[in-house]
Amino acid sequence: MKRMILCLLGVALLASCGPNRDKQLKEIENREQSLSTLDRLAEDGEVDQLLELYRTFAADFPDDSLAPVYLMRAADMNISLGNTDEAVALLDTVISLYPGFEDLGGCWFLKGYAYETAEQFDSARAVYTYFVDNYPEHDLASDTRKTLPYLGMSAEEMLEAILNADH
């Protein structure tokens, strides 16, 4: 009987030490709700905590269908924070580890956007071109195809190019 109790305690201890998916999901959900209700930009510490939760979940549960979703959200947040290298690295992780991810086209678009916001226009152009060539039916492909010639131009340069194209 003592042996059985010790075994049960051992199993319970091991289970409590490992990552708990439901607990992590609840923590992510709470943090997302907390950040989305703020009327101002969230404190860096709060954003960093959510980013860490996304990365931890993906590392703990790499086969979970939410892993690439959370990595993509983390990339999007990093773009907003100006962390282009981190965003691109996260998107590259999704692209390489999750080739069957339902929004892989969105990852490619977001990668192009990360480069564009960092004013790395040659890299943005290459990624956007790959995106429109390989995901022509994606919701963002048509608009991306139309705006690609104007990538890196100021508003004045775009207007001039558009007006000159009509002649």
Protein backbone atom coordinates (compact mmCIF):
# COMPACT_ATOMS: atom_id res chain seq x y z
CA MET A 1 0.00 0.00 0.00
CA LYS A 2 2.83 2.39 0.90
CA ARG A 3 4.47 1.61 -2.42
CA MET A 4 1.27 2.44 -4.32
CA ILE A 5 0.88 5.74 -2.48
CA LEU A 6 4.50 6.65 -3.22
CA CYS A 7 3.99 5.82 -6.91
CA LEU A 8 0.86 7.95 -7.06
CA LEU A 9 2.65 10.83 -5.34
CA GLY A 10 5.56 10.46 -7.75
CA VAL A 11 3.24 10.58 -10.78
CA ALA A 12 1.44 13.61 -9.36
CA LEU A 13 4.76 15.34 -8.69
CA LEU A 14 6.01 14.67 -12.21
CA ALA A 15 2.76 15.90 -13.71
CA SER A 16 2.89 19.12 -11.71
CA CYS A 17 6.50 19.82 -12.74
CA GLY A 18 5.89 19.60 -16.46
CA PRO A 19 4.40 22.34 -18.56
CA ASN A 20 0.67 22.75 -18.10
CA ARG A 21 -1.01 23.66 -21.39
CA ASP A 22 -4.30 24.86 -19.90
CA LYS A 23 -2.53 27.01 -17.33
CA GLN A 24 -0.36 28.61 -20.00
CA LEU A 25 -3.35 29.21 -22.28
CA LYS A 26 -5.26 30.90 -19.45
CA GLU A 27 -2.26 33.07 -18.59
CA ILE A 28 -1.87 34.10 -22.26
CA GLU A 29 -5.59 34.85 -22.54
CA ASN A 30 -5.54 36.96 -19.37
CA ARG A 31 -2.46 38.89 -20.49
CA GLU A 32 -3.97 39.51 -23.96
CA GLN A 33 -7.20 40.79 -22.42
CA SER A 34 -5.27 42.98 -20.02
CA LEU A 35 -3.29 44.56 -22.84
CA SER A 36 -6.26 44.95 -25.18
CA THR A 37 -8.27 46.90 -22.63
CA LEU A 38 -5.62 49.57 -22.17
CA ASP A 39 -6.30 52.87 -23.91
CA ARG A 40 -2.62 53.68 -24.04
CA LEU A 41 0.46 51.77 -25.10
CA ALA A 42 1.06 49.01 -22.58
CA GLU A 43 4.03 49.16 -20.30
CA ASP A 44 7.05 47.45 -21.86
CA GLY A 45 7.16 44.95 -19.03
CA GLU A 46 3.61 43.82 -19.74
CA VAL A 47 4.30 43.36 -23.44
CA ASP A 48 7.56 41.55 -22.70
CA GLN A 49 5.69 39.17 -20.40
CA LEU A 50 3.18 38.33 -23.10
CA LEU A 51 5.95 37.85 -25.66
CA GLU A 52 7.68 35.45 -23.27
CA LEU A 53 4.42 33.56 -22.71
CA TYR A 54 4.01 33.11 -26.48
CA ARG A 55 7.58 31.85 -26.89
CA THR A 56 7.34 29.56 -23.87
CA PHE A 57 4.09 28.02 -25.06
CA ALA A 58 5.56 27.33 -28.50
CA ALA A 59 8.66 25.79 -26.94
CA ASP A 60 6.69 23.67 -24.46
CA PHE A 61 4.05 22.56 -26.97
CA PRO A 62 5.68 22.66 -30.43
CA ASP A 63 3.13 20.25 -31.90
CA ASP A 64 0.14 22.27 -30.71
CA SER A 65 -1.81 24.06 -33.45
CA LEU A 66 -1.55 27.28 -31.40
CA ALA A 67 2.27 27.28 -31.40
CA PRO A 68 2.63 28.91 -34.85
CA VAL A 69 -0.28 31.26 -34.09
CA TYR A 70 1.43 32.51 -30.95
CA LEU A 71 4.80 32.83 -32.68
CA MET A 72 3.13 34.89 -35.40
CA ARG A 73 1.45 37.11 -32.78
CA ALA A 74 4.81 37.57 -31.07
CA ALA A 75 6.35 38.55 -34.41
CA ASP A 76 3.58 41.08 -35.05
CA MET A 77 4.10 42.62 -31.61
CA ASN A 78 7.85 42.78 -32.19
CA ILE A 79 7.27 44.65 -35.45
CA SER A 80 5.18 47.19 -33.52
CA LEU A 81 8.02 47.55 -31.03
CA GLY A 82 10.59 48.04 -33.79
CA ASN A 83 12.31 44.71 -33.13
CA THR A 84 12.66 43.67 -36.77
CA ASP A 85 15.33 41.03 -36.24
CA GLU A 86 13.30 39.28 -33.54
CA ALA A 87 10.13 39.47 -35.65
CA VAL A 88 11.85 38.01 -38.71
CA ALA A 89 13.44 35.25 -36.61
CA LEU A 90 10.04 34.28 -35.19
CA LEU A 91 8.44 34.28 -38.63
CA ASP A 92 11.31 32.21 -40.04
CA THR A 93 10.69 29.72 -37.24
CA VAL A 94 7.04 29.41 -38.23
CA ILE A 95 7.93 29.12 -41.92
CA SER A 96 10.53 26.40 -41.34
CA LEU A 97 8.88 24.39 -38.55
CA TYR A 98 5.24 24.64 -39.60
CA PRO A 99 5.07 24.26 -43.40
CA GLY A 100 1.43 23.16 -43.11
CA PHE A 101 0.37 26.18 -41.06
CA GLU A 102 -2.90 27.52 -42.45
CA ASP A 103 -1.68 31.13 -42.59
CA LEU A 104 1.81 30.58 -43.90
CA GLY A 105 1.10 33.22 -46.54
CA GLY A 106 0.32 35.66 -43.75
CA CYS A 107 3.72 34.89 -42.23
CA TRP A 108 5.43 35.76 -45.50
CA PHE A 109 3.44 38.98 -45.77
CA LEU A 110 4.26 39.91 -42.17
CA LYS A 111 7.93 39.22 -42.83
CA GLY A 112 7.84 41.63 -45.77
CA TYR A 113 6.06 44.17 -43.60
CA ALA A 114 8.72 43.80 -40.89
CA TYR A 115 11.42 44.65 -43.41
CA GLU A 116 9.35 47.50 -44.84
CA THR A 117 8.81 49.13 -41.45
CA ALA A 118 12.56 48.86 -40.83
CA GLU A 119 13.11 50.56 -44.20
CA GLN A 120 14.97 47.51 -45.51
CA PHE A 121 13.25 47.89 -48.85
CA ASP A 122 15.32 45.40 -50.88
CA SER A 123 14.54 42.64 -48.39
CA ALA A 124 10.89 43.74 -48.20
CA ARG A 125 10.59 43.69 -51.98
CA ALA A 126 12.08 40.19 -52.20
CA VAL A 127 9.76 38.81 -49.52
CA TYR A 128 6.66 40.55 -50.88
CA THR A 129 7.46 39.25 -54.36
CA TYR A 130 7.78 35.72 -52.99
CA PHE A 131 4.49 36.22 -51.15
CA VAL A 132 2.46 37.37 -54.16
CA ASP A 133 4.02 34.71 -56.41
CA ASN A 134 3.40 31.84 -53.99
CA TYR A 135 0.17 32.94 -52.32
CA PRO A 136 -1.73 34.73 -55.12
CA GLU A 137 -5.13 33.95 -53.58
CA HIS A 138 -4.26 35.33 -50.14
CA ASP A 139 -6.46 38.24 -49.01
CA LEU A 140 -3.45 40.59 -49.01
CA ALA A 141 -1.85 39.45 -52.28
CA SER A 142 -3.77 41.73 -54.64
CA ASP A 143 -3.10 44.89 -52.65
CA THR A 144 0.52 43.89 -52.14
CA ARG A 145 0.96 43.35 -55.87
CA LYS A 146 -0.48 46.82 -56.57
CA THR A 147 1.67 48.63 -54.02
CA LEU A 148 4.91 46.77 -54.66
CA PRO A 149 6.13 49.23 -57.35
CA TYR A 150 5.83 52.07 -54.84
CA LEU A 151 7.73 50.39 -52.01
CA GLY A 152 10.13 52.78 -50.33
CA MET A 153 8.75 55.89 -51.99
CA SER A 154 7.63 58.93 -50.07
CA ALA A 155 4.01 60.05 -50.46
CA GLU A 156 5.11 62.75 -52.90
CA GLU A 157 7.13 60.29 -55.00
CA MET A 158 4.18 57.89 -55.09
CA LEU A 159 1.80 60.60 -56.20
CA GLU A 160 4.19 61.69 -58.93
CA ALA A 161 4.65 58.09 -60.11
CA ILE A 162 0.89 57.53 -60.19
CA LEU A 163 0.21 60.75 -62.05
CA ASN A 164 2.97 60.04 -64.56
CA ALA A 165 1.68 56.49 -65.12
CA ASP A 166 -1.63 57.88 -66.41
CA HIS A 167 0.08 59.72 -69.25
